[in-house]
Protein backbone atom coordinates (compact mmCIF):
# COMPACT_ATOMS: atom_id res chain seq x y z
CA MET A 1 -212.68 -37.64 45.53
CA ARG A 2 -215.85 -36.95 42.47
CA THR A 3 -217.29 -34.47 44.04
CA LEU A 4 -214.11 -32.71 45.14
CA ASN A 5 -212.79 -32.51 41.94
CA PRO A 6 -214.89 -29.16 40.73
CA ILE A 7 -214.24 -27.51 43.74
CA VAL A 8 -210.27 -28.48 43.70
CA ALA A 9 -210.54 -27.13 39.93
CA GLU A 10 -211.96 -23.82 41.09
CA TYR A 11 -209.89 -23.28 43.90
CA ALA A 12 -206.25 -24.39 43.05
CA GLY A 13 -203.52 -21.99 43.78
CA GLN A 14 -205.94 -20.79 46.67
CA VAL A 15 -206.30 -23.63 48.67
CA ASP A 16 -203.94 -26.91 49.04
CA PHE A 17 -206.03 -30.11 49.05
CA TYR A 18 -203.72 -32.77 50.72
CA LEU A 19 -205.36 -36.86 50.48
CA VAL A 20 -204.29 -38.33 53.68
CA ALA A 21 -204.11 -42.82 53.30
CA PHE A 22 -205.87 -44.38 55.96
CA ASN A 23 -205.95 -48.19 55.08
CA GLU A 24 -203.84 -47.61 52.03
CA SER A 25 -201.05 -46.11 50.98
CA ALA A 26 -200.01 -42.65 49.48
CA ALA A 27 -198.96 -44.31 46.45
CA THR A 28 -202.12 -46.33 46.21
CA LEU A 29 -203.99 -42.80 46.27
CA GLU A 30 -201.63 -40.88 44.05
CA ASN A 31 -202.05 -43.88 41.68
CA TYR A 32 -206.03 -43.05 42.11
CA ILE A 33 -205.57 -39.79 41.43
CA GLU A 34 -203.39 -40.03 38.04
CA GLU A 35 -206.37 -42.55 37.12
CA ASN A 36 -209.26 -40.74 37.87
CA ASP A 37 -207.21 -37.73 36.04
CA PHE A 38 -207.52 -35.49 39.47
CA SER A 39 -205.17 -32.49 39.48
CA ASN A 40 -203.92 -30.27 42.25
CA MET A 41 -204.44 -33.15 45.16
CA THR A 42 -201.61 -34.08 46.91
CA ALA A 43 -201.47 -37.90 48.37
CA ALA A 44 -200.15 -38.04 51.65
CA GLN A 45 -199.10 -40.88 54.14
CA PRO A 46 -200.02 -40.08 58.16
CA VAL A 47 -196.57 -39.17 60.12
CA GLY A 48 -196.70 -40.40 63.68
CA SER A 49 -199.91 -39.67 65.53
CA MET A 50 -201.22 -37.12 63.45
CA LEU A 51 -204.37 -39.41 62.70
CA GLN A 52 -204.86 -39.70 66.33
CA ASP A 53 -204.13 -35.97 66.92
CA LEU A 54 -206.74 -34.91 64.58
CA LYS A 55 -209.19 -37.32 65.51
CA ILE A 56 -209.36 -38.99 62.42
CA VAL A 57 -211.03 -42.31 63.29
CA SER A 58 -212.66 -43.19 60.17
CA GLN A 59 -212.51 -43.23 56.07
CA SER A 60 -213.86 -39.92 53.96
CA SER A 61 -213.63 -37.52 57.27
CA MET A 62 -212.76 -34.00 55.56
CA ILE A 63 -211.22 -31.00 57.80
CA ALA A 64 -210.21 -27.62 56.36
CA MET A 65 -207.79 -26.04 58.23
CA ASP A 66 -206.83 -22.48 57.79
CA ALA A 67 -203.23 -20.81 57.25
CA ASN A 68 -202.54 -21.22 61.33
CA GLY A 69 -203.48 -24.55 61.19
CA VAL A 70 -206.80 -24.44 62.77
CA ILE A 71 -209.12 -26.52 61.64
CA THR A 72 -212.28 -24.53 60.64
CA PHE A 73 -214.13 -27.54 59.02
CA ARG A 74 -214.89 -31.02 60.08
CA LYS A 75 -217.04 -33.76 58.73
CA GLY A 76 -216.83 -36.96 59.32
CA TYR A 77 -218.01 -40.17 56.13
CA GLY A 78 -221.49 -39.16 54.63
CA ARG A 79 -222.54 -35.70 56.50
CA GLY A 80 -221.92 -32.48 54.90
CA GLY A 81 -219.37 -33.75 51.95
CA ASP A 82 -221.43 -31.96 49.34
CA ALA A 83 -219.98 -29.95 46.91
CA ASP A 84 -222.20 -26.89 48.36
CA THR A 85 -221.13 -27.07 51.78
CA LEU A 86 -217.44 -27.62 50.46
CA ASN A 87 -217.57 -24.97 48.27
CA GLY A 88 -218.48 -22.17 50.65
CA GLU A 89 -216.09 -23.09 52.94
CA PHE A 90 -213.02 -23.53 50.50
CA GLN A 91 -214.46 -20.30 49.31
CA ARG A 92 -213.81 -18.70 52.80
CA LEU A 93 -210.92 -20.15 53.06
CA ALA A 94 -209.51 -18.69 49.99
CA GLN A 95 -210.23 -15.04 50.98
């Protein structure tokens, strides 16, 4: 999330950021967000088969969706989550 925080600040109001709990509760994520002074991120608990439907099988998966709910970007843990890659995707989504 440290990589994400400066990008979130740049695109606040243009792109919505949701952190979906995987092995922890949304309340635990919310506490982490507050304790680390992150802002403009919403913690969420997955509902029903959401993780399965989105094919999220490991923690730290990053997915970007456009305004129509179409997945435009997907990377798993440790791949593609660098600031330049994420910034480029969010810049495209903010247009």
